[in-house]
Amino acid sequence: QVQLVESGGGLVQTGGSLMLSCEASGRTFSSAAMGWFRQVPGKEREFVAAIGGVGWSERENYADSVKGRFTISRDIDKKMVYLQMGNLQPGDTAVYYCVASHGPIPQAMAGSYAYWGQGTQVTVSS
């Protein structure tokens, strides 16, 4: 059974940093794109960042709203994906979801990802 388990969320002040981690289990994801989405109550899930599979040279893709502030990375051997978040703003407050695809392309569409974690809350206080 495929599982994605997020950790690292919490409360941080404006301008602060957090690193989210996601541990994958149940299958090999080395060739698959993985990424992060976020959601605020009452709104649709929003793309944050994704990283390609080994065949795509682990290419990165970011939402414009987080470019220059967030960095996605992965450890293939450990089946881990990370999201380093810096200069956090109140608008970044959301539940953050780890996702994994069947294919290698780091796409921004939620429908491209077959596997979703349960989410971790990130709250940025002003």
Foldseek 3Di string as FASTA:
>chain_A
DKAKAKDWADEAAQQAKTKMKIAIDDDQQQQWKKAKWWDDPPDDIFGAKIFFHVVVVRDIDGDPVQPPFWDWDADRVRRMIMIIGGSDDQVVWTWMKMFIAPHGDGDGDPVRTDDIHPTDTHGYHD
